[in-house]
């Protein structure tokens, strides 16, 4: 039963998509999010899973979850309500210092490049 379940997992759509995202990150010359040490300056590449507007410590902030196939990081732009082109499903490259907010990796006010 073990071989069958491992084979089914490898063939699953989610597993294949994660592999493609990891390959895209490598092609873009970026490290995988799962391998990032805390407080390091990083360049990451992935797909935005969600984009939400929420207050952070009383300040309006735009938050986006970036997933690269290995893990995700929350990108937070303080004082922003909307950024043209930043939407769920969009691929982008982000630059900044990764930190932790609880158990979640975050990058505050990252620079970014949208993929075409």
C-alpha atoms as a PDB file:
ATOM      1  CA  UNK A   1       0.000   0.000   0.000  1.00  0.00           C
ATOM      2  CA  UNK A   2       2.927   2.382   0.668  1.00  0.00           C
ATOM      3  CA  UNK A   3       4.150   2.384  -2.944  1.00  0.00           C
ATOM      4  CA  UNK A   4       0.704   3.069  -4.323  1.00  0.00           C
ATOM      5  CA  UNK A   5       0.057   6.022  -2.026  1.00  0.00           C
ATOM      6  CA  UNK A   6       3.513   7.518  -2.788  1.00  0.00           C
ATOM      7  CA  UNK A   7       2.897   7.122  -6.524  1.00  0.00           C
ATOM      8  CA  UNK A   8      -0.536   8.735  -6.255  1.00  0.00           C
ATOM      9  CA  UNK A   9       0.929  11.666  -4.332  1.00  0.00           C
ATOM     10  CA  UNK A  10       3.632  12.225  -6.950  1.00  0.00           C
ATOM     11  CA  UNK A  11       0.972  12.268  -9.635  1.00  0.00           C
ATOM     12  CA  UNK A  12      -1.338  14.650  -7.782  1.00  0.00           C
ATOM     13  CA  UNK A  13      -1.978  18.014  -9.374  1.00  0.00           C
ATOM     14  CA  UNK A  14      -0.910  19.907  -6.266  1.00  0.00           C
ATOM     15  CA  UNK A  15       2.430  18.084  -6.146  1.00  0.00           C
ATOM     16  CA  UNK A  16       3.050  18.757  -9.856  1.00  0.00           C
ATOM     17  CA  UNK A  17       2.204  22.459  -9.466  1.00  0.00           C
ATOM     18  CA  UNK A  18       4.555  22.733  -6.484  1.00  0.00           C
ATOM     19  CA  UNK A  19       7.331  21.179  -8.579  1.00  0.00           C
ATOM     20  CA  UNK A  20       6.707  23.659 -11.394  1.00  0.00           C
ATOM     21  CA  UNK A  21       6.797  26.595  -8.974  1.00  0.00           C
ATOM     22  CA  UNK A  22      10.091  25.357  -7.491  1.00  0.00           C
ATOM     23  CA  UNK A  23      11.540  25.111 -11.012  1.00  0.00           C
ATOM     24  CA  UNK A  24      10.325  28.645 -11.818  1.00  0.00           C
ATOM     25  CA  UNK A  25      12.028  29.968  -8.677  1.00  0.00           C
ATOM     26  CA  UNK A  26      15.287  28.245  -9.624  1.00  0.00           C
ATOM     27  CA  UNK A  27      15.112  29.652 -13.179  1.00  0.00           C
ATOM     28  CA  UNK A  28      14.602  33.144 -11.711  1.00  0.00           C
ATOM     29  CA  UNK A  29      17.776  32.652  -9.630  1.00  0.00           C
ATOM     30  CA  UNK A  30      15.919  32.670  -6.303  1.00  0.00           C
ATOM     31  CA  UNK A  31      16.188  30.590  -3.153  1.00  0.00           C
ATOM     32  CA  UNK A  32      13.236  28.513  -1.983  1.00  0.00           C
ATOM     33  CA  UNK A  33      11.204  30.051   0.837  1.00  0.00           C
ATOM     34  CA  UNK A  34      11.522  26.898   2.982  1.00  0.00           C
ATOM     35  CA  UNK A  35      15.327  27.314   3.017  1.00  0.00           C
ATOM     36  CA  UNK A  36      15.409  30.984   4.063  1.00  0.00           C
ATOM     37  CA  UNK A  37      17.113  31.813   7.357  1.00  0.00           C
ATOM     38  CA  UNK A  38      15.394  34.357   9.589  1.00  0.00           C
ATOM     39  CA  UNK A  39      16.505  38.006   9.194  1.00  0.00           C
ATOM     40  CA  UNK A  40      18.322  37.457   5.906  1.00  0.00           C
ATOM     41  CA  UNK A  41      18.022  39.662   2.820  1.00  0.00           C
ATOM     42  CA  UNK A  42      16.392  37.541   0.135  1.00  0.00           C
ATOM     43  CA  UNK A  43      15.122  37.406  -3.410  1.00  0.00           C
ATOM     44  CA  UNK A  44      12.152  35.082  -3.844  1.00  0.00           C
ATOM     45  CA  UNK A  45       9.825  34.144  -6.698  1.00  0.00           C
ATOM     46  CA  UNK A  46       6.376  32.599  -6.611  1.00  0.00           C
ATOM     47  CA  UNK A  47       2.643  32.929  -7.152  1.00  0.00           C
ATOM     48  CA  UNK A  48       0.352  35.083  -5.047  1.00  0.00           C
ATOM     49  CA  UNK A  49      -2.245  32.859  -3.399  1.00  0.00           C
ATOM     50  CA  UNK A  50      -4.221  35.641  -1.732  1.00  0.00           C
ATOM     51  CA  UNK A  51      -4.235  39.419  -1.405  1.00  0.00           C
ATOM     52  CA  UNK A  52      -6.063  41.035   1.516  1.00  0.00           C
ATOM     53  CA  UNK A  53      -6.428  44.447   3.107  1.00  0.00           C
ATOM     54  CA  UNK A  54      -6.145  44.463   6.903  1.00  0.00           C
ATOM     55  CA  UNK A  55      -4.894  46.703   9.677  1.00  0.00           C
ATOM     56  CA  UNK A  56      -1.504  45.905  11.215  1.00  0.00           C
ATOM     57  CA  UNK A  57      -0.933  47.643  14.570  1.00  0.00           C
ATOM     58  CA  UNK A  58      -3.473  50.326  13.652  1.00  0.00           C
ATOM     59  CA  UNK A  59      -1.991  50.967  10.192  1.00  0.00           C
ATOM     60  CA  UNK A  60      -3.746  49.956   6.971  1.00  0.00           C
ATOM     61  CA  UNK A  61      -1.726  47.266   5.204  1.00  0.00           C
ATOM     62  CA  UNK A  62      -1.971  45.228   2.018  1.00  0.00           C
ATOM     63  CA  UNK A  63      -0.981  41.607   2.671  1.00  0.00           C
ATOM     64  CA  UNK A  64      -0.233  39.004   0.016  1.00  0.00           C
ATOM     65  CA  UNK A  65       0.677  35.342   0.483  1.00  0.00           C
ATOM     66  CA  UNK A  66       3.485  34.345  -1.904  1.00  0.00           C
ATOM     67  CA  UNK A  67       3.926  30.588  -2.506  1.00  0.00           C
ATOM     68  CA  UNK A  68       6.903  29.042  -4.315  1.00  0.00           C
ATOM     69  CA  UNK A  69       6.122  25.322  -4.069  1.00  0.00           C
ATOM     70  CA  UNK A  70       8.173  24.790  -0.904  1.00  0.00           C
ATOM     71  CA  UNK A  71       6.510  27.189   1.546  1.00  0.00           C
ATOM     72  CA  UNK A  72       4.885  30.612   1.658  1.00  0.00           C
ATOM     73  CA  UNK A  73       5.761  34.078   2.938  1.00  0.00           C
ATOM     74  CA  UNK A  74       3.433  36.990   3.695  1.00  0.00           C
ATOM     75  CA  UNK A  75       4.362  40.202   1.894  1.00  0.00           C
ATOM     76  CA  UNK A  76       3.124  43.259   3.806  1.00  0.00           C
ATOM     77  CA  UNK A  77       2.987  46.763   2.363  1.00  0.00           C
ATOM     78  CA  UNK A  78       2.232  49.193   5.197  1.00  0.00           C
ATOM     79  CA  UNK A  79       0.044  52.204   4.405  1.00  0.00           C
ATOM     80  CA  UNK A  80      -1.140  50.764   1.083  1.00  0.00           C
ATOM     81  CA  UNK A  81      -4.718  49.907   0.188  1.00  0.00           C
ATOM     82  CA  UNK A  82      -4.050  48.674  -3.345  1.00  0.00           C
ATOM     83  CA  UNK A  83      -1.106  48.070  -5.651  1.00  0.00           C
ATOM     84  CA  UNK A  84      -1.907  47.879  -9.350  1.00  0.00           C
ATOM     85  CA  UNK A  85      -1.054  44.421 -10.719  1.00  0.00           C
ATOM     86  CA  UNK A  86      -0.753  42.732  -7.313  1.00  0.00           C
ATOM     87  CA  UNK A  87      -3.588  40.191  -7.381  1.00  0.00           C
ATOM     88  CA  UNK A  88      -4.144  36.540  -6.517  1.00  0.00           C
ATOM     89  CA  UNK A  89      -2.776  34.205  -9.192  1.00  0.00           C
ATOM     90  CA  UNK A  90      -0.090  36.645 -10.329  1.00  0.00           C
ATOM     91  CA  UNK A  91       3.585  35.610 -10.329  1.00  0.00           C
ATOM     92  CA  UNK A  92       6.196  37.989  -8.986  1.00  0.00           C
ATOM     93  CA  UNK A  93       9.723  38.303  -7.671  1.00  0.00           C
ATOM     94  CA  UNK A  94      10.116  39.987  -4.267  1.00  0.00           C
ATOM     95  CA  UNK A  95      13.167  41.473  -2.562  1.00  0.00           C
ATOM     96  CA  UNK A  96      13.542  42.263   1.148  1.00  0.00           C
ATOM     97  CA  UNK A  97      14.471  41.080   4.635  1.00  0.00           C
ATOM     98  CA  UNK A  98      12.557  38.034   5.817  1.00  0.00           C
ATOM     99  CA  UNK A  99      11.411  37.908   9.420  1.00  0.00           C
ATOM    100  CA  UNK A 100       8.954  36.020  11.575  1.00  0.00           C
ATOM    101  CA  UNK A 101       5.556  37.127  12.878  1.00  0.00           C
ATOM    102  CA  UNK A 102       4.584  34.299  15.175  1.00  0.00           C
ATOM    103  CA  UNK A 103       5.113  31.194  13.035  1.00  0.00           C
ATOM    104  CA  UNK A 104       4.657  32.987   9.695  1.00  0.00           C
ATOM    105  CA  UNK A 105       7.492  34.270   7.511  1.00  0.00           C
ATOM    106  CA  UNK A 106       6.962  37.914   6.535  1.00  0.00           C
ATOM    107  CA  UNK A 107       8.633  40.618   4.465  1.00  0.00           C
ATOM    108  CA  UNK A 108       7.596  44.205   5.178  1.00  0.00           C
ATOM    109  CA  UNK A 109       7.458  46.716   2.302  1.00  0.00           C
ATOM    110  CA  UNK A 110       9.233  44.468  -0.212  1.00  0.00           C
ATOM    111  CA  UNK A 111      10.446  45.666  -3.572  1.00  0.00           C
ATOM    112  CA  UNK A 112       8.879  43.554  -6.297  1.00  0.00           C
ATOM    113  CA  UNK A 113       8.828  42.809 -10.024  1.00  0.00           C
ATOM    114  CA  UNK A 114       5.673  41.473 -11.665  1.00  0.00           C
ATOM    115  CA  UNK A 115       6.088  38.682 -14.219  1.00  0.00           C
ATOM    116  CA  UNK A 116       4.640  39.316 -17.641  1.00  0.00           C
END
